[in-house]
N, C-alpha and C. Protein backbone atom coordinates (compact mmCIF):
# COMPACT_ATOMS: atom_id res chain seq x y z
N GLY A 1 13.59 -16.80 -49.45
CA GLY A 1 12.34 -17.29 -48.91
C GLY A 1 12.51 -17.80 -47.49
N GLU A 2 13.62 -18.52 -47.26
CA GLU A 2 13.88 -19.02 -45.90
C GLU A 2 14.11 -17.86 -44.94
N LEU A 3 14.86 -16.87 -45.41
CA LEU A 3 15.15 -15.70 -44.57
C LEU A 3 13.84 -14.99 -44.22
N ARG A 4 12.99 -14.80 -45.20
CA ARG A 4 11.71 -14.14 -44.96
C ARG A 4 10.86 -14.95 -43.97
N ALA A 5 10.86 -16.26 -44.10
CA ALA A 5 10.08 -17.12 -43.19
C ALA A 5 10.61 -17.01 -41.76
N VAL A 6 11.94 -16.99 -41.61
CA VAL A 6 12.54 -16.87 -40.27
C VAL A 6 12.25 -15.50 -39.69
N GLN A 7 12.35 -14.47 -40.50
CA GLN A 7 12.04 -13.12 -40.02
C GLN A 7 10.57 -13.01 -39.60
N ASP A 8 9.69 -13.64 -40.38
CA ASP A 8 8.27 -13.65 -40.01
C ASP A 8 8.06 -14.41 -38.69
N SER A 9 8.78 -15.53 -38.53
CA SER A 9 8.69 -16.30 -37.28
C SER A 9 9.17 -15.47 -36.09
N LEU A 10 10.26 -14.74 -36.31
CA LEU A 10 10.80 -13.88 -35.24
C LEU A 10 9.79 -12.78 -34.89
N ARG A 11 9.22 -12.16 -35.91
CA ARG A 11 8.24 -11.11 -35.68
C ARG A 11 7.01 -11.66 -34.97
N ASN A 12 6.51 -12.80 -35.39
CA ASN A 12 5.36 -13.43 -34.73
C ASN A 12 5.66 -13.76 -33.28
N PHE A 13 6.86 -14.29 -33.05
CA PHE A 13 7.27 -14.61 -31.68
C PHE A 13 7.28 -13.36 -30.82
N GLN A 14 7.86 -12.29 -31.34
CA GLN A 14 7.92 -11.04 -30.59
C GLN A 14 6.53 -10.48 -30.31
N GLU A 15 5.64 -10.58 -31.27
CA GLU A 15 4.29 -10.05 -31.08
C GLU A 15 3.49 -10.88 -30.10
N THR A 16 3.58 -12.21 -30.20
CA THR A 16 2.78 -13.06 -29.31
C THR A 16 3.31 -13.07 -27.88
N THR A 17 4.61 -12.94 -27.71
CA THR A 17 5.18 -12.97 -26.35
C THR A 17 5.49 -11.59 -25.81
N ALA A 18 5.22 -10.56 -26.62
CA ALA A 18 5.52 -9.17 -26.23
C ALA A 18 6.99 -9.05 -25.83
N THR A 19 7.86 -9.62 -26.68
CA THR A 19 9.29 -9.61 -26.41
C THR A 19 9.99 -8.71 -27.43
N VAL A 20 10.72 -7.75 -26.92
CA VAL A 20 11.53 -6.89 -27.77
C VAL A 20 13.00 -7.21 -27.52
N ASP A 21 13.39 -7.13 -26.25
CA ASP A 21 14.74 -7.45 -25.83
C ASP A 21 14.63 -8.24 -24.53
N PRO A 22 14.75 -9.57 -24.60
CA PRO A 22 14.52 -10.39 -23.40
C PRO A 22 15.40 -10.02 -22.21
N ALA A 23 16.65 -9.68 -22.45
CA ALA A 23 17.55 -9.33 -21.35
C ALA A 23 17.07 -8.06 -20.65
N ALA A 24 16.70 -7.05 -21.42
CA ALA A 24 16.23 -5.79 -20.83
C ALA A 24 14.89 -6.00 -20.12
N GLN A 25 14.02 -6.81 -20.71
CA GLN A 25 12.72 -7.05 -20.08
C GLN A 25 12.88 -7.84 -18.78
N THR A 26 13.81 -8.77 -18.75
CA THR A 26 14.06 -9.53 -17.52
C THR A 26 14.61 -8.62 -16.44
N ALA A 27 15.56 -7.76 -16.82
CA ALA A 27 16.13 -6.82 -15.85
C ALA A 27 15.05 -5.88 -15.31
N ALA A 28 14.16 -5.43 -16.20
CA ALA A 28 13.07 -4.55 -15.77
C ALA A 28 12.12 -5.28 -14.83
N ALA A 29 11.81 -6.54 -15.13
CA ALA A 29 10.91 -7.32 -14.27
C ALA A 29 11.53 -7.54 -12.90
N ILE A 30 12.83 -7.76 -12.87
CA ILE A 30 13.53 -7.92 -11.58
C ILE A 30 13.45 -6.62 -10.78
N GLY A 31 13.69 -5.50 -11.45
CA GLY A 31 13.61 -4.20 -10.78
C GLY A 31 12.22 -3.91 -10.26
N ILE A 32 11.22 -4.19 -11.08
CA ILE A 32 9.83 -3.96 -10.67
C ILE A 32 9.48 -4.86 -9.49
N SER A 33 9.86 -6.12 -9.59
CA SER A 33 9.54 -7.08 -8.53
C SER A 33 10.18 -6.68 -7.20
N SER A 34 11.46 -6.33 -7.25
CA SER A 34 12.13 -5.96 -6.00
C SER A 34 11.58 -4.65 -5.43
N GLY A 35 11.26 -3.71 -6.30
CA GLY A 35 10.66 -2.45 -5.83
C GLY A 35 9.30 -2.67 -5.20
N LEU A 36 8.50 -3.52 -5.82
CA LEU A 36 7.19 -3.83 -5.27
C LEU A 36 7.31 -4.58 -3.94
N GLU A 37 8.26 -5.50 -3.86
CA GLU A 37 8.44 -6.24 -2.61
C GLU A 37 8.84 -5.30 -1.47
N ALA A 38 9.68 -4.32 -1.77
CA ALA A 38 10.07 -3.34 -0.75
C ALA A 38 8.86 -2.51 -0.33
N SER A 39 8.04 -2.11 -1.30
CA SER A 39 6.84 -1.33 -0.98
C SER A 39 5.85 -2.15 -0.16
N VAL A 40 5.68 -3.42 -0.52
CA VAL A 40 4.77 -4.29 0.23
C VAL A 40 5.26 -4.43 1.67
N ALA A 41 6.55 -4.60 1.84
CA ALA A 41 7.11 -4.73 3.19
C ALA A 41 6.85 -3.46 4.00
N GLN A 42 7.04 -2.32 3.39
CA GLN A 42 6.81 -1.04 4.08
C GLN A 42 5.34 -0.88 4.45
N ILE A 43 4.45 -1.16 3.52
CA ILE A 43 3.02 -1.04 3.79
C ILE A 43 2.60 -2.04 4.86
N SER A 44 3.15 -3.24 4.79
CA SER A 44 2.80 -4.27 5.77
C SER A 44 3.21 -3.85 7.18
N VAL A 45 4.40 -3.29 7.31
CA VAL A 45 4.86 -2.82 8.63
C VAL A 45 3.96 -1.71 9.14
N GLU A 46 3.63 -0.76 8.26
CA GLU A 46 2.75 0.35 8.66
C GLU A 46 1.38 -0.18 9.07
N ARG A 47 0.83 -1.10 8.27
CA ARG A 47 -0.49 -1.66 8.56
C ARG A 47 -0.48 -2.40 9.90
N GLN A 48 0.54 -3.20 10.14
CA GLN A 48 0.61 -3.96 11.39
C GLN A 48 0.74 -3.04 12.60
N ALA A 49 1.56 -2.00 12.47
CA ALA A 49 1.73 -1.05 13.57
C ALA A 49 0.42 -0.33 13.86
N LEU A 50 -0.26 0.07 12.82
CA LEU A 50 -1.53 0.78 12.99
C LEU A 50 -2.60 -0.15 13.57
N GLU A 51 -2.66 -1.39 13.08
CA GLU A 51 -3.62 -2.36 13.62
C GLU A 51 -3.34 -2.63 15.10
N SER A 52 -2.06 -2.73 15.46
CA SER A 52 -1.69 -2.96 16.85
C SER A 52 -2.14 -1.80 17.73
N ARG A 53 -1.88 -0.60 17.27
CA ARG A 53 -2.29 0.58 18.04
C ARG A 53 -3.80 0.67 18.16
N LEU A 54 -4.47 0.35 17.06
CA LEU A 54 -5.93 0.40 17.06
C LEU A 54 -6.51 -0.63 18.02
N THR A 55 -5.96 -1.83 18.01
CA THR A 55 -6.43 -2.89 18.91
C THR A 55 -6.21 -2.50 20.36
N SER A 56 -5.08 -1.88 20.65
CA SER A 56 -4.77 -1.54 22.04
C SER A 56 -5.69 -0.47 22.61
N ILE A 57 -6.23 0.39 21.76
CA ILE A 57 -7.06 1.47 22.31
C ILE A 57 -8.54 1.24 22.16
N LYS A 58 -8.94 0.24 21.37
CA LYS A 58 -10.39 0.01 21.19
C LYS A 58 -11.08 -0.29 22.50
N GLY A 59 -10.39 -0.97 23.42
CA GLY A 59 -11.02 -1.30 24.69
C GLY A 59 -10.83 -0.26 25.77
N ALA A 60 -10.08 0.79 25.47
CA ALA A 60 -9.80 1.82 26.49
C ALA A 60 -11.06 2.61 26.80
N THR A 61 -11.19 3.00 28.03
CA THR A 61 -12.34 3.80 28.44
C THR A 61 -11.91 5.24 28.67
N ILE A 62 -12.85 6.14 28.47
CA ILE A 62 -12.58 7.56 28.68
C ILE A 62 -12.79 7.86 30.15
N THR A 63 -11.80 8.47 30.73
CA THR A 63 -11.96 8.93 32.10
C THR A 63 -11.71 10.43 32.12
N ALA A 64 -12.50 11.09 32.90
CA ALA A 64 -12.38 12.55 32.98
C ALA A 64 -10.99 12.91 33.49
N GLY A 65 -10.41 13.88 32.83
CA GLY A 65 -9.09 14.35 33.24
C GLY A 65 -7.94 13.65 32.53
N HIS A 66 -8.21 12.59 31.80
CA HIS A 66 -7.16 11.89 31.05
C HIS A 66 -7.39 12.09 29.56
N PRO A 67 -6.34 12.34 28.82
CA PRO A 67 -6.51 12.58 27.37
C PRO A 67 -6.98 11.30 26.66
N SER A 68 -7.65 11.51 25.57
CA SER A 68 -8.18 10.39 24.77
C SER A 68 -7.03 9.59 24.16
N PRO A 69 -7.11 8.28 24.22
CA PRO A 69 -6.07 7.45 23.60
C PRO A 69 -6.07 7.54 22.08
N TRP A 70 -7.13 8.05 21.51
CA TRP A 70 -7.21 8.18 20.06
C TRP A 70 -6.25 9.23 19.52
N ARG A 71 -5.74 10.07 20.38
CA ARG A 71 -4.75 11.05 19.92
C ARG A 71 -3.51 10.35 19.41
N GLN A 72 -3.15 9.21 20.03
CA GLN A 72 -1.99 8.45 19.58
C GLN A 72 -2.19 7.94 18.15
N VAL A 73 -3.39 7.47 17.87
CA VAL A 73 -3.65 6.92 16.54
C VAL A 73 -3.72 8.03 15.50
N LEU A 74 -4.39 9.12 15.85
CA LEU A 74 -4.50 10.23 14.90
C LEU A 74 -3.15 10.89 14.65
N ALA A 75 -2.23 10.75 15.59
CA ALA A 75 -0.90 11.33 15.42
C ALA A 75 0.05 10.38 14.68
N PHE A 76 -0.44 9.22 14.24
CA PHE A 76 0.35 8.28 13.45
C PHE A 76 0.80 9.01 12.19
N PRO A 77 2.10 8.97 11.84
CA PRO A 77 2.63 9.81 10.76
C PRO A 77 1.86 9.76 9.44
N SER A 78 1.53 8.58 8.97
CA SER A 78 0.85 8.51 7.67
C SER A 78 -0.60 8.99 7.76
N ILE A 79 -1.23 8.85 8.90
CA ILE A 79 -2.61 9.32 9.05
C ILE A 79 -2.62 10.83 9.22
N LEU A 80 -1.60 11.35 9.85
CA LEU A 80 -1.52 12.79 10.10
C LEU A 80 -1.40 13.59 8.79
N LYS A 81 -1.02 12.91 7.71
CA LYS A 81 -0.95 13.58 6.40
C LYS A 81 -2.34 13.93 5.87
N ASN A 82 -3.35 13.26 6.41
CA ASN A 82 -4.73 13.48 5.99
C ASN A 82 -5.28 14.72 6.70
N GLY A 83 -5.82 15.63 5.93
CA GLY A 83 -6.36 16.87 6.50
C GLY A 83 -7.50 16.62 7.48
N ALA A 84 -8.34 15.63 7.19
CA ALA A 84 -9.45 15.31 8.09
C ALA A 84 -8.93 14.81 9.43
N ALA A 85 -7.83 14.07 9.40
CA ALA A 85 -7.24 13.57 10.65
C ALA A 85 -6.72 14.73 11.49
N VAL A 86 -6.13 15.72 10.84
CA VAL A 86 -5.62 16.89 11.56
C VAL A 86 -6.78 17.63 12.23
N GLU A 87 -7.88 17.78 11.48
CA GLU A 87 -9.05 18.46 12.06
C GLU A 87 -9.62 17.67 13.24
N LEU A 88 -9.69 16.33 13.08
CA LEU A 88 -10.19 15.50 14.18
C LEU A 88 -9.27 15.58 15.39
N LEU A 89 -7.97 15.60 15.15
CA LEU A 89 -7.01 15.69 16.26
C LEU A 89 -7.17 17.01 17.00
N ASN A 90 -7.34 18.09 16.24
CA ASN A 90 -7.55 19.40 16.88
C ASN A 90 -8.86 19.42 17.68
N ALA A 91 -9.92 18.87 17.09
CA ALA A 91 -11.21 18.82 17.78
C ALA A 91 -11.11 17.95 19.04
N LEU A 92 -10.38 16.85 18.93
CA LEU A 92 -10.21 15.96 20.08
C LEU A 92 -9.41 16.65 21.18
N ASN A 93 -8.38 17.38 20.81
CA ASN A 93 -7.59 18.12 21.80
C ASN A 93 -8.46 19.15 22.52
N GLN A 94 -9.29 19.85 21.76
CA GLN A 94 -10.17 20.84 22.37
C GLN A 94 -11.19 20.18 23.30
N ALA A 95 -11.77 19.07 22.83
CA ALA A 95 -12.77 18.37 23.65
C ALA A 95 -12.12 17.81 24.91
N ASP A 96 -10.90 17.27 24.78
CA ASP A 96 -10.17 16.77 25.95
C ASP A 96 -9.88 17.89 26.95
N ALA A 97 -9.48 19.05 26.41
CA ALA A 97 -9.18 20.19 27.29
C ALA A 97 -10.44 20.65 28.02
N THR A 98 -11.55 20.71 27.31
CA THR A 98 -12.82 21.09 27.92
C THR A 98 -13.20 20.11 29.01
N LEU A 99 -13.07 18.82 28.70
CA LEU A 99 -13.42 17.78 29.66
C LEU A 99 -12.51 17.86 30.89
N ALA A 100 -11.22 18.09 30.68
CA ALA A 100 -10.30 18.19 31.81
C ALA A 100 -10.62 19.39 32.69
N THR A 101 -10.97 20.50 32.06
CA THR A 101 -11.33 21.70 32.82
C THR A 101 -12.59 21.46 33.65
N LEU A 102 -13.57 20.85 33.02
CA LEU A 102 -14.82 20.57 33.73
C LEU A 102 -14.61 19.54 34.85
N ALA A 103 -13.81 18.52 34.56
CA ALA A 103 -13.58 17.46 35.54
C ALA A 103 -12.83 17.97 36.76
N ALA A 104 -12.03 19.00 36.57
CA ALA A 104 -11.29 19.55 37.70
C ALA A 104 -12.22 20.28 38.67
N ARG A 105 -13.33 20.81 38.18
CA ARG A 105 -14.23 21.61 39.02
C ARG A 105 -15.54 20.91 39.36
N ARG A 106 -15.86 19.85 38.63
CA ARG A 106 -17.18 19.24 38.82
C ARG A 106 -17.05 17.73 38.96
N THR A 107 -18.14 17.10 39.33
CA THR A 107 -18.16 15.65 39.49
C THR A 107 -18.46 14.98 38.15
N GLU A 108 -18.25 13.68 38.11
CA GLU A 108 -18.51 12.91 36.88
C GLU A 108 -19.98 12.89 36.52
N ASN A 109 -20.87 13.09 37.50
CA ASN A 109 -22.30 13.03 37.26
C ASN A 109 -22.87 14.35 36.73
N ASP A 110 -22.05 15.37 36.69
CA ASP A 110 -22.50 16.67 36.22
C ASP A 110 -22.88 16.58 34.74
N PRO A 111 -24.01 17.22 34.35
CA PRO A 111 -24.44 17.14 32.94
C PRO A 111 -23.44 17.72 31.95
N ASP A 112 -22.71 18.76 32.36
CA ASP A 112 -21.71 19.35 31.45
C ASP A 112 -20.55 18.38 31.22
N VAL A 113 -20.16 17.68 32.27
CA VAL A 113 -19.10 16.68 32.14
C VAL A 113 -19.58 15.54 31.24
N ALA A 114 -20.80 15.12 31.43
CA ALA A 114 -21.37 14.05 30.59
C ALA A 114 -21.43 14.48 29.13
N GLN A 115 -21.81 15.72 28.91
CA GLN A 115 -21.88 16.24 27.55
C GLN A 115 -20.48 16.31 26.92
N ALA A 116 -19.49 16.74 27.70
CA ALA A 116 -18.12 16.80 27.20
C ALA A 116 -17.60 15.39 26.89
N GLN A 117 -17.94 14.42 27.74
CA GLN A 117 -17.54 13.04 27.47
C GLN A 117 -18.21 12.52 26.20
N ALA A 118 -19.46 12.87 26.00
CA ALA A 118 -20.17 12.45 24.79
C ALA A 118 -19.51 13.05 23.54
N ARG A 119 -19.08 14.30 23.64
CA ARG A 119 -18.40 14.95 22.52
C ARG A 119 -17.09 14.24 22.21
N VAL A 120 -16.34 13.87 23.24
CA VAL A 120 -15.08 13.14 23.04
C VAL A 120 -15.37 11.80 22.36
N ARG A 121 -16.39 11.09 22.83
CA ARG A 121 -16.75 9.80 22.23
C ARG A 121 -17.17 9.95 20.76
N GLU A 122 -17.88 11.02 20.48
CA GLU A 122 -18.31 11.28 19.10
C GLU A 122 -17.09 11.47 18.19
N ILE A 123 -16.15 12.27 18.64
CA ILE A 123 -14.94 12.51 17.84
C ILE A 123 -14.13 11.23 17.71
N GLU A 124 -14.08 10.45 18.79
CA GLU A 124 -13.36 9.18 18.74
C GLU A 124 -14.00 8.23 17.73
N GLY A 125 -15.30 8.24 17.63
CA GLY A 125 -16.00 7.42 16.64
C GLY A 125 -15.64 7.83 15.22
N GLN A 126 -15.57 9.13 15.00
CA GLN A 126 -15.16 9.63 13.69
C GLN A 126 -13.71 9.24 13.40
N ALA A 127 -12.87 9.32 14.41
CA ALA A 127 -11.46 8.94 14.26
C ALA A 127 -11.36 7.46 13.93
N GLN A 128 -12.13 6.65 14.62
CA GLN A 128 -12.10 5.21 14.37
C GLN A 128 -12.52 4.90 12.92
N ALA A 129 -13.57 5.56 12.45
CA ALA A 129 -14.02 5.34 11.07
C ALA A 129 -12.93 5.75 10.08
N LEU A 130 -12.28 6.88 10.33
CA LEU A 130 -11.21 7.34 9.44
C LEU A 130 -10.06 6.34 9.42
N VAL A 131 -9.65 5.88 10.59
CA VAL A 131 -8.52 4.96 10.69
C VAL A 131 -8.85 3.62 10.05
N GLU A 132 -10.06 3.13 10.27
CA GLU A 132 -10.43 1.85 9.68
C GLU A 132 -10.52 1.94 8.15
N THR A 133 -10.97 3.06 7.64
CA THR A 133 -10.99 3.28 6.19
C THR A 133 -9.56 3.30 5.65
N TYR A 134 -8.68 3.99 6.35
CA TYR A 134 -7.28 4.05 5.95
C TYR A 134 -6.65 2.66 5.98
N LEU A 135 -6.94 1.90 7.01
CA LEU A 135 -6.42 0.53 7.10
C LEU A 135 -6.92 -0.32 5.94
N GLY A 136 -8.19 -0.18 5.59
CA GLY A 136 -8.73 -0.91 4.45
C GLY A 136 -8.00 -0.56 3.17
N GLY A 137 -7.67 0.71 3.01
CA GLY A 137 -6.90 1.15 1.84
C GLY A 137 -5.51 0.54 1.82
N LEU A 138 -4.87 0.47 2.98
CA LEU A 138 -3.55 -0.16 3.06
C LEU A 138 -3.62 -1.64 2.70
N GLN A 139 -4.63 -2.31 3.19
CA GLN A 139 -4.79 -3.74 2.89
C GLN A 139 -5.00 -3.95 1.39
N GLU A 140 -5.80 -3.10 0.77
CA GLU A 140 -6.04 -3.23 -0.66
C GLU A 140 -4.78 -2.93 -1.46
N GLN A 141 -4.02 -1.92 -1.03
CA GLN A 141 -2.75 -1.61 -1.69
C GLN A 141 -1.81 -2.81 -1.62
N GLU A 142 -1.76 -3.42 -0.46
CA GLU A 142 -0.89 -4.57 -0.25
C GLU A 142 -1.30 -5.73 -1.18
N ARG A 143 -2.59 -5.99 -1.26
CA ARG A 143 -3.08 -7.07 -2.14
C ARG A 143 -2.76 -6.78 -3.61
N ALA A 144 -2.98 -5.53 -4.03
CA ALA A 144 -2.71 -5.17 -5.43
C ALA A 144 -1.23 -5.31 -5.75
N MET A 145 -0.39 -4.91 -4.82
CA MET A 145 1.06 -5.03 -5.06
C MET A 145 1.49 -6.49 -5.10
N ARG A 146 0.89 -7.31 -4.27
CA ARG A 146 1.21 -8.74 -4.29
C ARG A 146 0.79 -9.37 -5.63
N ARG A 147 -0.34 -8.93 -6.18
CA ARG A 147 -0.74 -9.43 -7.50
C ARG A 147 0.26 -8.99 -8.55
N SER A 148 0.73 -7.76 -8.47
CA SER A 148 1.73 -7.26 -9.43
C SER A 148 3.04 -8.02 -9.30
N ILE A 149 3.41 -8.36 -8.08
CA ILE A 149 4.62 -9.15 -7.87
C ILE A 149 4.45 -10.51 -8.54
N GLY A 150 3.27 -11.11 -8.40
CA GLY A 150 3.00 -12.40 -9.05
C GLY A 150 3.13 -12.30 -10.56
N SER A 151 2.65 -11.21 -11.12
CA SER A 151 2.76 -11.00 -12.56
C SER A 151 4.22 -10.85 -12.98
N ALA A 152 4.98 -10.09 -12.21
CA ALA A 152 6.41 -9.92 -12.51
C ALA A 152 7.16 -11.25 -12.38
N GLN A 153 6.77 -12.04 -11.38
CA GLN A 153 7.40 -13.35 -11.20
C GLN A 153 7.08 -14.27 -12.38
N ALA A 154 5.86 -14.19 -12.89
CA ALA A 154 5.50 -15.00 -14.06
C ALA A 154 6.36 -14.61 -15.26
N THR A 155 6.60 -13.31 -15.41
CA THR A 155 7.47 -12.84 -16.49
C THR A 155 8.88 -13.39 -16.30
N LEU A 156 9.35 -13.36 -15.06
CA LEU A 156 10.69 -13.88 -14.78
C LEU A 156 10.76 -15.39 -15.00
N ASN A 157 9.72 -16.10 -14.65
CA ASN A 157 9.71 -17.55 -14.82
C ASN A 157 9.75 -17.95 -16.29
N SER A 158 9.13 -17.14 -17.15
CA SER A 158 9.13 -17.47 -18.57
C SER A 158 10.33 -16.88 -19.31
N ALA A 159 11.16 -16.13 -18.62
CA ALA A 159 12.30 -15.46 -19.27
C ALA A 159 13.29 -16.42 -19.91
N PRO A 160 13.69 -17.51 -19.25
CA PRO A 160 14.68 -18.38 -19.89
C PRO A 160 14.21 -18.97 -21.22
N SER A 161 12.99 -19.44 -21.27
CA SER A 161 12.50 -20.03 -22.53
C SER A 161 12.34 -18.96 -23.62
N ARG A 162 11.87 -17.76 -23.22
CA ARG A 162 11.74 -16.68 -24.20
C ARG A 162 13.11 -16.25 -24.71
N THR A 163 14.08 -16.17 -23.82
CA THR A 163 15.42 -15.75 -24.21
C THR A 163 16.04 -16.76 -25.18
N ILE A 164 15.88 -18.04 -24.89
CA ILE A 164 16.43 -19.08 -25.75
C ILE A 164 15.77 -19.05 -27.13
N GLU A 165 14.45 -18.96 -27.15
CA GLU A 165 13.73 -18.94 -28.43
C GLU A 165 14.06 -17.68 -29.22
N TYR A 166 14.12 -16.55 -28.55
CA TYR A 166 14.48 -15.29 -29.20
C TYR A 166 15.90 -15.38 -29.77
N GLY A 167 16.83 -15.90 -28.99
CA GLY A 167 18.21 -16.06 -29.46
C GLY A 167 18.30 -16.99 -30.65
N ARG A 168 17.56 -18.10 -30.60
CA ARG A 168 17.58 -19.06 -31.71
C ARG A 168 17.05 -18.41 -32.99
N LEU A 169 15.94 -17.71 -32.90
CA LEU A 169 15.35 -17.08 -34.08
C LEU A 169 16.23 -15.96 -34.63
N THR A 170 16.80 -15.14 -33.75
CA THR A 170 17.67 -14.04 -34.23
C THR A 170 18.95 -14.59 -34.85
N LEU A 171 19.49 -15.66 -34.26
CA LEU A 171 20.71 -16.28 -34.83
C LEU A 171 20.40 -16.89 -36.20
N GLN A 172 19.26 -17.53 -36.29
CA GLN A 172 18.86 -18.13 -37.57
C GLN A 172 18.68 -17.04 -38.63
N ALA A 173 18.01 -15.94 -38.26
CA ALA A 173 17.80 -14.83 -39.21
C ALA A 173 19.13 -14.21 -39.57
N LYS A 174 20.02 -14.05 -38.62
CA LYS A 174 21.33 -13.45 -38.89
C LYS A 174 22.14 -14.35 -39.82
N THR A 175 22.14 -15.65 -39.57
CA THR A 175 22.90 -16.61 -40.38
C THR A 175 22.38 -16.62 -41.81
N LEU A 176 21.06 -16.67 -41.97
CA LEU A 176 20.49 -16.66 -43.31
C LEU A 176 20.77 -15.34 -44.03
N SER A 177 20.76 -14.24 -43.28
CA SER A 177 21.07 -12.93 -43.88
C SER A 177 22.51 -12.89 -44.36
N GLU A 178 23.42 -13.46 -43.56
CA GLU A 178 24.84 -13.49 -43.97
C GLU A 178 25.02 -14.39 -45.18
N ILE A 179 24.31 -15.50 -45.24
CA ILE A 179 24.39 -16.40 -46.39
C ILE A 179 23.89 -15.69 -47.62
N GLN A 180 22.80 -14.98 -47.48
CA GLN A 180 22.25 -14.23 -48.63
C GLN A 180 23.24 -13.17 -49.09
N THR A 181 23.88 -12.48 -48.12
CA THR A 181 24.84 -11.44 -48.49
C THR A 181 26.02 -12.06 -49.22
């Protein structure tokens, strides 16, 4: 009867704390936590670099004959993986080339030059929207990973008490089983 009661206590403990093997679960939580921390650091660096680049070009003005500064942002490695960014970069290169060709032969007040500048600004607006959406996604990824790290840390913080209780119950069940045998 005592053995059955201890085994029931052990089973209840395992079910309520979701503990199967405390040592393995602690090791897994450590691995998850460190992996997530590395990912957060990587995303944070990427986000900061992209925000810095974005801030530096937001105030830039388009001048005829000079390439758009948005090419630097669209050529950012992680953004370049996006097919829409590649299309925008190609369109921006074409619009820049058209503007440079026109600017070489005409004045800034020419309607064709103004139209080419408007096209460049339009593409830059699309690029800005794409980049800001991507940045928002990075920020959300970072927040979600930080929440997961908090969850893993909570598991790690409760590991010592769970390990002790699990060890006590398994030792008690083992001792009673040996006595019965």
